[in-house]
Protein backbone atom coordinates (compact mmCIF):
# COMPACT_ATOMS: atom_id res chain seq x y z
CA UNK A 1 0.01 -0.03 -0.02
CA UNK A 2 1.36 3.35 -0.80
CA UNK A 3 0.37 6.62 0.76
CA UNK A 4 -1.49 7.80 -2.34
CA UNK A 5 -3.81 4.90 -2.20
CA UNK A 6 -4.65 5.52 1.51
CA UNK A 7 -5.91 9.06 0.85
CA UNK A 8 -7.70 8.32 -2.51
CA UNK A 9 -11.45 7.93 -2.88
CA UNK A 10 -12.66 5.62 -5.75
CA UNK A 11 -16.04 5.40 -7.27
CA UNK A 12 -17.07 2.24 -9.18
CA UNK A 13 -20.12 2.63 -11.44
CA UNK A 14 -21.44 -0.53 -12.89
CA UNK A 15 -24.94 -2.10 -13.14
CA UNK A 16 -23.59 -5.61 -12.58
CA UNK A 17 -23.63 -6.06 -8.70
CA UNK A 18 -21.20 -8.95 -8.75
CA UNK A 19 -18.56 -7.33 -10.82
CA UNK A 20 -18.98 -3.96 -9.06
CA UNK A 21 -18.64 -5.56 -5.59
CA UNK A 22 -15.69 -7.79 -6.60
CA UNK A 23 -13.81 -4.75 -7.95
CA UNK A 24 -14.74 -2.67 -4.84
CA UNK A 25 -13.41 -5.29 -2.52
CA UNK A 26 -10.19 -5.70 -4.64
CA UNK A 27 -9.56 -1.86 -4.44
CA UNK A 28 -10.44 -1.76 -0.80
CA UNK A 29 -7.85 -4.44 -0.12
CA UNK A 30 -5.29 -2.23 -1.91
CA UNK A 31 -6.08 0.55 0.52
CA UNK A 32 -8.70 2.69 -1.42
CA UNK A 33 -11.77 4.19 0.11
CA UNK A 34 -14.48 2.91 -2.31
CA UNK A 35 -17.93 3.98 -3.18
CA UNK A 36 -20.23 1.94 -5.54
CA UNK A 37 -23.09 2.96 -7.65
CA UNK A 38 -25.41 0.87 -9.93
CA UNK A 39 -26.65 3.87 -12.12
CA UNK A 40 -25.93 7.39 -13.14
CA UNK A 41 -28.21 9.00 -10.43
CA UNK A 42 -26.49 7.04 -7.69
CA UNK A 43 -23.06 8.06 -9.15
CA UNK A 44 -23.77 11.76 -9.32
CA UNK A 45 -25.05 11.61 -5.75
CA UNK A 46 -21.95 9.96 -4.52
CA UNK A 47 -19.70 12.30 -6.45
CA UNK A 48 -21.38 15.41 -4.88
CA UNK A 49 -21.27 13.90 -1.39
CA UNK A 50 -17.90 12.03 -1.42
CA UNK A 51 -15.96 13.98 -4.06
CA UNK A 52 -13.85 11.03 -5.14
CA UNK A 53 -10.71 11.72 -7.11
CA UNK A 54 -11.16 8.66 -9.54
CA UNK A 55 -13.99 6.72 -11.04
CA UNK A 56 -14.35 3.52 -12.99
CA UNK A 57 -17.55 3.80 -15.26
CA UNK A 58 -19.09 0.99 -17.15
CA UNK A 59 -20.22 1.95 -20.71
CA UNK A 60 -23.57 0.19 -20.64
CA UNK A 61 -25.47 0.98 -17.53
CA UNK A 62 -29.06 -0.73 -17.83
CA UNK A 63 -31.02 2.04 -19.56
CA UNK A 64 -28.19 4.62 -19.43
CA UNK A 65 -24.88 5.15 -21.25
CA UNK A 66 -21.74 5.80 -19.33
CA UNK A 67 -20.63 7.93 -22.16
CA UNK A 68 -23.43 10.47 -21.19
CA UNK A 69 -22.61 10.03 -17.58
CA UNK A 70 -19.02 11.16 -17.87
CA UNK A 71 -19.63 14.83 -18.65
CA UNK A 72 -22.13 15.07 -15.77
CA UNK A 73 -19.58 13.45 -13.35
CA UNK A 74 -16.87 16.06 -14.43
CA UNK A 75 -19.28 18.85 -14.16
CA UNK A 76 -19.96 17.93 -10.61
CA UNK A 77 -16.32 17.11 -9.80
CA UNK A 78 -13.97 18.80 -12.53
CA UNK A 79 -10.76 17.25 -11.27
CA UNK A 80 -12.32 13.58 -11.33
CA UNK A 81 -10.23 11.11 -13.35
CA UNK A 82 -12.48 8.52 -15.23
CA UNK A 83 -11.71 5.31 -16.74
CA UNK A 84 -14.33 3.82 -18.99
CA UNK A 85 -14.71 0.13 -18.74
CA UNK A 86 -16.70 -1.99 -21.19
CA UNK A 87 -17.50 -5.59 -22.37
CA UNK A 88 -18.65 -3.99 -25.71
CA UNK A 89 -15.52 -2.38 -26.93
CA UNK A 90 -15.27 -0.51 -30.20
CA UNK A 91 -13.02 2.12 -31.61
CA UNK A 92 -15.93 4.56 -31.82
CA UNK A 93 -16.83 4.25 -28.12
CA UNK A 94 -13.24 4.48 -27.20
CA UNK A 95 -12.83 7.77 -28.99
CA UNK A 96 -16.12 9.07 -27.55
CA UNK A 97 -15.08 8.18 -24.04
CA UNK A 98 -11.89 10.18 -24.26
CA UNK A 99 -13.60 13.03 -26.00
CA UNK A 100 -16.17 12.97 -23.14
CA UNK A 101 -13.34 13.36 -20.56
CA UNK A 102 -12.21 9.84 -19.76
CA UNK A 103 -8.47 9.47 -19.11
CA UNK A 104 -8.52 6.02 -20.38
CA UNK A 105 -10.77 3.16 -21.86
CA UNK A 106 -10.40 -0.58 -20.98
CA UNK A 107 -12.06 -3.74 -22.24
CA UNK A 108 -13.55 -6.22 -19.78
CA UNK A 109 -12.33 -8.36 -18.31
CA UNK A 110 -9.74 -6.04 -16.78
CA UNK A 111 -8.02 -6.78 -13.62
CA UNK A 112 -7.54 -4.39 -10.67
CA UNK A 113 -3.82 -3.77 -11.50
CA UNK A 114 -4.86 -2.95 -15.17
CA UNK A 115 -7.46 -0.55 -14.14
CA UNK A 116 -5.07 1.24 -11.63
CA UNK A 117 -2.51 1.31 -14.30
CA UNK A 118 -4.99 3.01 -16.73
CA UNK A 119 -5.37 5.87 -14.29
CA UNK A 120 -1.49 6.41 -14.31
CA UNK A 121 -0.91 6.03 -18.08
CA UNK A 122 0.44 9.14 -19.67
CA UNK A 123 -1.62 8.52 -22.89
CA UNK A 124 -4.97 6.90 -23.41
CA UNK A 125 -5.06 3.59 -25.11
CA UNK A 126 -7.35 4.74 -27.76
CA UNK A 127 -4.50 4.53 -30.30
CA UNK A 128 -3.53 0.95 -29.51
CA UNK A 129 -1.67 -0.49 -32.53
CA UNK A 130 -3.94 -2.70 -34.55
CA UNK A 131 -2.89 -6.13 -35.45
CA UNK A 132 -1.32 -6.55 -38.93
CA UNK A 133 -4.14 -9.00 -40.05
CA UNK A 134 -7.17 -7.35 -41.47
CA UNK A 135 -10.29 -6.74 -39.46
CA UNK A 136 -13.21 -9.21 -40.13
CA UNK A 137 -16.31 -8.12 -41.92
CA UNK A 138 -18.35 -8.97 -38.83
CA UNK A 139 -16.08 -6.79 -36.71
CA UNK A 140 -16.26 -3.96 -39.20
CA UNK A 141 -20.03 -4.11 -39.05
CA UNK A 142 -19.93 -3.94 -35.25
CA UNK A 143 -17.56 -0.99 -35.39
CA UNK A 144 -19.92 0.83 -37.92
CA UNK A 145 -22.96 0.16 -35.93
CA UNK A 146 -21.25 1.53 -32.78
CA UNK A 147 -20.19 4.70 -34.70
CA UNK A 148 -23.68 5.31 -35.95
CA UNK A 149 -25.11 4.70 -32.56
CA UNK A 150 -22.80 7.28 -31.13
CA UNK A 151 -23.75 9.75 -33.89
CA UNK A 152 -27.37 9.28 -32.88
CA UNK A 153 -26.69 9.67 -29.10
CA UNK A 154 -27.55 6.18 -28.37
CA UNK A 155 -31.05 6.38 -30.01
CA UNK A 156 -31.77 2.87 -31.29
CA UNK A 157 -34.68 3.85 -33.49
CA UNK A 158 -32.56 6.70 -35.26
CA UNK A 159 -29.61 4.36 -35.65
CA UNK A 160 -31.71 1.73 -37.19
CA UNK A 161 -33.17 4.24 -39.71
CA UNK A 162 -29.63 5.51 -40.41
CA UNK A 163 -28.49 2.05 -41.00
CA UNK A 164 -31.50 0.91 -43.01
CA UNK A 165 -32.47 -2.02 -40.87
CA UNK A 166 -35.36 -2.94 -38.58
CA UNK A 167 -35.05 -1.66 -35.03
CA UNK A 168 -35.53 -5.27 -33.56
CA UNK A 169 -32.64 -6.49 -35.83
CA UNK A 170 -30.47 -3.76 -34.52
CA UNK A 171 -31.33 -4.53 -31.00
CA UNK A 172 -30.36 -8.15 -31.36
CA UNK A 173 -27.04 -7.19 -32.90
CA UNK A 174 -26.36 -4.88 -29.99
CA UNK A 175 -27.20 -7.56 -27.47
CA UNK A 176 -24.32 -9.79 -28.82
CA UNK A 177 -20.81 -9.33 -27.66
CA UNK A 178 -18.59 -7.70 -30.16
CA UNK A 179 -17.07 -9.90 -32.82
CA UNK A 180 -13.40 -10.68 -32.47
CA UNK A 181 -11.17 -9.17 -34.94
C-alpha cells in the first residue's frame, strides 16, 4: 500500500452487482476508500457527497450510457479522473469516451492492476496499435454500428433508420458481444 492509495477515494459505477462488488473489494484491499453505484443517479449523488478523485465507469448501465454520464460527473467534480470500462468495446466508443473526458478506456475483463495502471498511463489507449491481420467483416459491421449509434446519441430507432435496418434487428445485434477481430 502506498500513501497515495490510502488518501484516494474511488467510485465504481457498474450495473452488474457482482462485478461492482468484486472490484470494490479488490480496491479496498489495496487501501482505497471505495464507493459503488449501480446507475448514473447514484453515481452523481456519490460524486457530490464524497468528491472522489477517481471513477471507473461502465459503458452500458441498464438503460443509461456511461458515455453520457462522464460529462455530468466531470461537471460535478472537475478534477475527477474517469476510466471507461466495457465489455462492448469499439473504436468509436473509445474515441467518444476520451472526448467526453475519460483518461482511459479498457475492455472487460480487466484486472484491478490493469485498471489502476490505466489511471496512471500518460496516454490513453485509444491509439493501441492494431494487429497486422485485416479486420473481419463482422467486426467491421460492429464498429460501424457503434459509430452510427454514437452519432445518434444512443437512440436505437434513429440508428436503425440511419443503417436501413429494422429496429429489432439492430437490438439483437447490439445484445451480442462484439465480434473478434
